[in-house]
C-alpha atoms as a PDB file:
ATOM      1  CA  MET A   1     -25.245  -9.501 -35.944  1.00  0.00           C
ATOM      2  CA  GLU A   2     -24.488  -8.334 -32.448  1.00  0.00           C
ATOM      3  CA  GLU A   3     -20.901  -8.363 -31.295  1.00  0.00           C
ATOM      4  CA  ALA A   4     -20.246 -10.664 -28.345  1.00  0.00           C
ATOM      5  CA  LYS A   5     -19.340  -8.801 -25.185  1.00  0.00           C
ATOM      6  CA  GLU A   6     -16.035  -9.723 -23.683  1.00  0.00           C
ATOM      7  CA  ILE A   7     -16.496 -11.331 -20.282  1.00  0.00           C
ATOM      8  CA  VAL A   8     -14.497  -9.689 -17.532  1.00  0.00           C
ATOM      9  CA  SER A   9     -13.049 -12.084 -14.995  1.00  0.00           C
ATOM     10  CA  ALA A  10     -14.000 -11.886 -11.346  1.00  0.00           C
ATOM     11  CA  SER A  11     -10.367 -11.203 -10.474  1.00  0.00           C
ATOM     12  CA  ALA A  12     -10.276  -8.206 -12.857  1.00  0.00           C
ATOM     13  CA  VAL A  13     -13.471  -6.817 -11.314  1.00  0.00           C
ATOM     14  CA  ARG A  14     -12.099  -7.302  -7.797  1.00  0.00           C
ATOM     15  CA  ALA A  15      -8.730  -5.769  -8.720  1.00  0.00           C
ATOM     16  CA  ALA A  16     -10.456  -2.742 -10.271  1.00  0.00           C
ATOM     17  CA  HIS A  17     -12.499  -2.233  -7.118  1.00  0.00           C
ATOM     18  CA  GLU A  18      -9.513  -2.630  -4.787  1.00  0.00           C
ATOM     19  CA  VAL A  19      -7.311  -0.258  -6.818  1.00  0.00           C
ATOM     20  CA  ARG A  20     -10.053   2.392  -6.793  1.00  0.00           C
ATOM     21  CA  VAL A  21     -10.586   2.049  -3.039  1.00  0.00           C
ATOM     22  CA  VAL A  22      -6.867   2.100  -2.176  1.00  0.00           C
ATOM     23  CA  VAL A  23      -6.126   5.053  -4.463  1.00  0.00           C
ATOM     24  CA  GLY A  24      -8.991   6.983  -2.853  1.00  0.00           C
ATOM     25  CA  ARG A  25      -7.664   6.232   0.626  1.00  0.00           C
ATOM     26  CA  LEU A  26      -4.150   7.240  -0.364  1.00  0.00           C
ATOM     27  CA  ARG A  27      -5.418  10.541  -1.798  1.00  0.00           C
ATOM     28  CA  ARG A  28      -7.230  11.300   1.462  1.00  0.00           C
ATOM     29  CA  ARG A  29      -4.113  10.454   3.485  1.00  0.00           C
ATOM     30  CA  PHE A  30      -1.959  12.671   1.257  1.00  0.00           C
ATOM     31  CA  ARG A  31      -4.386  15.540   1.814  1.00  0.00           C
ATOM     32  CA  GLU A  32      -4.156  14.991   5.576  1.00  0.00           C
ATOM     33  CA  THR A  33      -0.340  15.184   5.548  1.00  0.00           C
ATOM     34  CA  TYR A  34       0.016  18.792   4.524  1.00  0.00           C
ATOM     35  CA  ASP A  35      -1.298  22.085   5.757  1.00  0.00           C
ATOM     36  CA  THR A  36      -3.331  23.674   3.008  1.00  0.00           C
ATOM     37  CA  GLU A  37      -3.110  27.020   4.765  1.00  0.00           C
ATOM     38  CA  GLY A  38      -6.894  27.171   4.854  1.00  0.00           C
ATOM     39  CA  LEU A  39      -7.412  26.516   1.145  1.00  0.00           C
ATOM     40  CA  THR A  40     -10.479  24.566   0.112  1.00  0.00           C
ATOM     41  CA  PRO A  41     -10.139  21.502  -2.130  1.00  0.00           C
ATOM     42  CA  SER A  42     -11.436  23.535  -5.094  1.00  0.00           C
ATOM     43  CA  GLN A  43      -8.867  26.287  -4.498  1.00  0.00           C
ATOM     44  CA  THR A  44      -6.095  23.719  -4.240  1.00  0.00           C
ATOM     45  CA  SER A  45      -7.389  21.994  -7.391  1.00  0.00           C
ATOM     46  CA  VAL A  46      -7.255  25.220  -9.414  1.00  0.00           C
ATOM     47  CA  LEU A  47      -3.740  25.937  -8.200  1.00  0.00           C
ATOM     48  CA  SER A  48      -2.614  22.419  -9.120  1.00  0.00           C
ATOM     49  CA  ARG A  49      -4.277  22.654 -12.541  1.00  0.00           C
ATOM     50  CA  LEU A  50      -2.509  25.926 -13.308  1.00  0.00           C
ATOM     51  CA  ASP A  51       0.789  24.394 -12.223  1.00  0.00           C
ATOM     52  CA  LYS A  52       0.329  21.335 -14.450  1.00  0.00           C
ATOM     53  CA  GLU A  53      -1.349  22.913 -17.475  1.00  0.00           C
ATOM     54  CA  GLY A  54       0.036  26.448 -17.442  1.00  0.00           C
ATOM     55  CA  PRO A  55      -1.679  29.833 -17.624  1.00  0.00           C
ATOM     56  CA  ALA A  56      -5.393  29.947 -18.391  1.00  0.00           C
ATOM     57  CA  SER A  57      -8.271  32.384 -18.460  1.00  0.00           C
ATOM     58  CA  ALA A  58     -10.823  32.367 -15.670  1.00  0.00           C
ATOM     59  CA  SER A  59     -13.485  31.105 -18.081  1.00  0.00           C
ATOM     60  CA  ALA A  60     -11.258  28.245 -19.250  1.00  0.00           C
ATOM     61  CA  LEU A  61     -10.570  27.316 -15.623  1.00  0.00           C
ATOM     62  CA  ALA A  62     -14.292  27.400 -14.823  1.00  0.00           C
ATOM     63  CA  ALA A  63     -14.988  25.042 -17.720  1.00  0.00           C
ATOM     64  CA  ALA A  64     -12.132  22.702 -16.789  1.00  0.00           C
ATOM     65  CA  GLU A  65     -13.191  22.577 -13.134  1.00  0.00           C
ATOM     66  CA  ARG A  66     -16.893  22.324 -14.129  1.00  0.00           C
ATOM     67  CA  VAL A  67     -18.006  25.314 -12.063  1.00  0.00           C
ATOM     68  CA  ARG A  68     -19.840  28.538 -12.856  1.00  0.00           C
ATOM     69  CA  PRO A  69     -17.686  31.522 -13.849  1.00  0.00           C
ATOM     70  CA  GLN A  70     -18.887  33.358 -10.720  1.00  0.00           C
ATOM     71  CA  SER A  71     -17.662  30.504  -8.518  1.00  0.00           C
ATOM     72  CA  MET A  72     -14.304  30.501 -10.283  1.00  0.00           C
ATOM     73  CA  ALA A  73     -14.002  34.261  -9.800  1.00  0.00           C
ATOM     74  CA  ALA A  74     -14.492  33.788  -6.052  1.00  0.00           C
ATOM     75  CA  THR A  75     -11.975  30.929  -5.963  1.00  0.00           C
ATOM     76  CA  LEU A  76      -9.381  32.958  -7.853  1.00  0.00           C
ATOM     77  CA  ALA A  77      -9.920  35.968  -5.595  1.00  0.00           C
ATOM     78  CA  VAL A  78      -8.977  33.902  -2.533  1.00  0.00           C
ATOM     79  CA  VAL A  79      -5.840  32.347  -4.025  1.00  0.00           C
ATOM     80  CA  GLU A  80      -4.809  35.700  -5.482  1.00  0.00           C
ATOM     81  CA  GLU A  81      -5.278  37.374  -2.087  1.00  0.00           C
ATOM     82  CA  ARG A  82      -2.871  34.806  -0.634  1.00  0.00           C
ATOM     83  CA  GLY A  83      -0.340  35.565  -3.366  1.00  0.00           C
ATOM     84  CA  LEU A  84      -0.490  32.087  -4.902  1.00  0.00           C
ATOM     85  CA  ILE A  85      -1.473  33.217  -8.408  1.00  0.00           C
ATOM     86  CA  GLN A  86      -0.804  36.179 -10.646  1.00  0.00           C
ATOM     87  CA  ARG A  87      -2.754  37.718 -13.499  1.00  0.00           C
ATOM     88  CA  ARG A  88      -1.493  39.303 -16.697  1.00  0.00           C
ATOM     89  CA  PRO A  89      -3.109  40.442 -19.924  1.00  0.00           C
ATOM     90  CA  ASP A  90      -3.683  37.723 -22.530  1.00  0.00           C
ATOM     91  CA  PRO A  91      -1.278  38.508 -25.397  1.00  0.00           C
ATOM     92  CA  GLY A  92      -3.839  37.137 -27.864  1.00  0.00           C
ATOM     93  CA  ASP A  93      -6.772  39.142 -26.481  1.00  0.00           C
ATOM     94  CA  GLY A  94      -6.042  42.231 -24.408  1.00  0.00           C
ATOM     95  CA  ARG A  95      -9.564  42.189 -22.966  1.00  0.00           C
ATOM     96  CA  ARG A  96      -8.880  38.933 -21.131  1.00  0.00           C
ATOM     97  CA  GLN A  97      -6.467  38.065 -18.380  1.00  0.00           C
ATOM     98  CA  LEU A  98      -4.419  34.915 -17.993  1.00  0.00           C
ATOM     99  CA  VAL A  99      -3.982  33.433 -14.555  1.00  0.00           C
ATOM    100  CA  SER A 100      -0.789  31.602 -13.617  1.00  0.00           C
ATOM    101  CA  VAL A 101       0.860  30.210 -10.506  1.00  0.00           C
ATOM    102  CA  SER A 102       3.116  32.678  -8.699  1.00  0.00           C
ATOM    103  CA  GLU A 103       6.460  31.729  -7.179  1.00  0.00           C
ATOM    104  CA  ALA A 104       4.726  31.551  -3.783  1.00  0.00           C
ATOM    105  CA  GLY A 105       2.135  29.223  -5.326  1.00  0.00           C
ATOM    106  CA  ARG A 106       4.841  26.961  -6.727  1.00  0.00           C
ATOM    107  CA  ALA A 107       6.563  26.852  -3.338  1.00  0.00           C
ATOM    108  CA  PHE A 108       3.233  26.011  -1.672  1.00  0.00           C
ATOM    109  CA  LEU A 109       2.610  23.129  -4.102  1.00  0.00           C
ATOM    110  CA  GLU A 110       6.153  21.820  -3.770  1.00  0.00           C
ATOM    111  CA  ASP A 111       5.902  21.850   0.041  1.00  0.00           C
ATOM    112  CA  LYS A 112       2.582  20.022  -0.186  1.00  0.00           C
ATOM    113  CA  ARG A 113       4.004  17.357  -2.497  1.00  0.00           C
ATOM    114  CA  ARG A 114       7.149  16.946  -0.426  1.00  0.00           C
ATOM    115  CA  ALA A 115       5.134  16.480   2.771  1.00  0.00           C
ATOM    116  CA  GLY A 116       3.066  13.753   1.126  1.00  0.00           C
ATOM    117  CA  GLU A 117       6.085  11.922  -0.204  1.00  0.00           C
ATOM    118  CA  GLU A 118       7.858  12.146   3.143  1.00  0.00           C
ATOM    119  CA  TRP A 119       4.830  10.699   4.929  1.00  0.00           C
ATOM    120  CA  LEU A 120       4.588   7.861   2.417  1.00  0.00           C
ATOM    121  CA  ALA A 121       8.313   7.073   2.533  1.00  0.00           C
ATOM    122  CA  ARG A 122       8.239   6.914   6.341  1.00  0.00           C
ATOM    123  CA  ALA A 123       5.121   4.717   6.288  1.00  0.00           C
ATOM    124  CA  LEU A 124       6.660   2.343   3.742  1.00  0.00           C
ATOM    125  CA  GLN A 125       9.868   2.171   5.799  1.00  0.00           C
ATOM    126  CA  GLU A 126       8.048   1.530   9.094  1.00  0.00           C
ATOM    127  CA  HIS A 127       5.366  -0.897   7.954  1.00  0.00           C
ATOM    128  CA  TYR A 128       6.908  -2.895   5.111  1.00  0.00           C
ATOM    129  CA  THR A 129       9.927  -5.105   4.663  1.00  0.00           C
ATOM    130  CA  GLU A 130      12.402  -4.522   1.844  1.00  0.00           C
ATOM    131  CA  GLU A 131      10.821  -7.416  -0.063  1.00  0.00           C
ATOM    132  CA  GLU A 132       7.332  -5.959   0.390  1.00  0.00           C
ATOM    133  CA  ARG A 133       8.531  -2.564  -0.869  1.00  0.00           C
ATOM    134  CA  ARG A 134       9.931  -4.283  -3.971  1.00  0.00           C
ATOM    135  CA  THR A 135       6.524  -5.925  -4.452  1.00  0.00           C
ATOM    136  CA  VAL A 136       4.846  -2.506  -4.180  1.00  0.00           C
ATOM    137  CA  LEU A 137       7.214  -1.169  -6.848  1.00  0.00           C
ATOM    138  CA  GLU A 138       6.468  -4.117  -9.121  1.00  0.00           C
ATOM    139  CA  ALA A 139       2.713  -3.637  -8.669  1.00  0.00           C
ATOM    140  CA  LEU A 140       3.041   0.079  -9.418  1.00  0.00           C
ATOM    141  CA  ALA A 141       4.932  -0.711 -12.623  1.00  0.00           C
ATOM    142  CA  LEU A 142       2.001  -2.918 -13.673  1.00  0.00           C
ATOM    143  CA  LEU A 143      -0.514  -0.186 -12.806  1.00  0.00           C
ATOM    144  CA  ASP A 144       1.554   2.393 -14.655  1.00  0.00           C
ATOM    145  CA  ARG A 145       1.255   0.191 -17.743  1.00  0.00           C
ATOM    146  CA  LEU A 146      -2.511   0.776 -17.575  1.00  0.00           C
ATOM    147  CA  THR A 147      -1.968   4.504 -17.909  1.00  0.00           C
ATOM    148  CA  ARG A 148       0.042   3.970 -21.079  1.00  0.00           C
ATOM    149  CA  SER A 149      -2.396   1.653 -22.878  1.00  0.00           C
END
């Protein structure tokens, strides 16, 4: 016997679409608010991944970012040249190197995040009333619940 599929309401479908669209727009606006110092999105992504997940080998980064090892090597060369990462021998395998974010890389990421938050805070202050900002916070609490389910 086939299991009955749960019907998804039109409002749930519309909400899913609108959340996806708005989150995409917000991500683009955040990217526009900071100077990436000439880094490509893939270079910035690798730097952010290392910051969030900790040191990794080049091959592990290539797999996580879904790129060829040669592409990752080129990406790492650029961010290393700018002093945003550092390499050290892997304590578990001396033939490999682990890549991690340098202090300059951490400062770069923090500046980037701060610029985005400052832009958003100013925009919320200028374009929304106090009541509307409370509504935004309530909606975000509901969306956060999705991430925990």
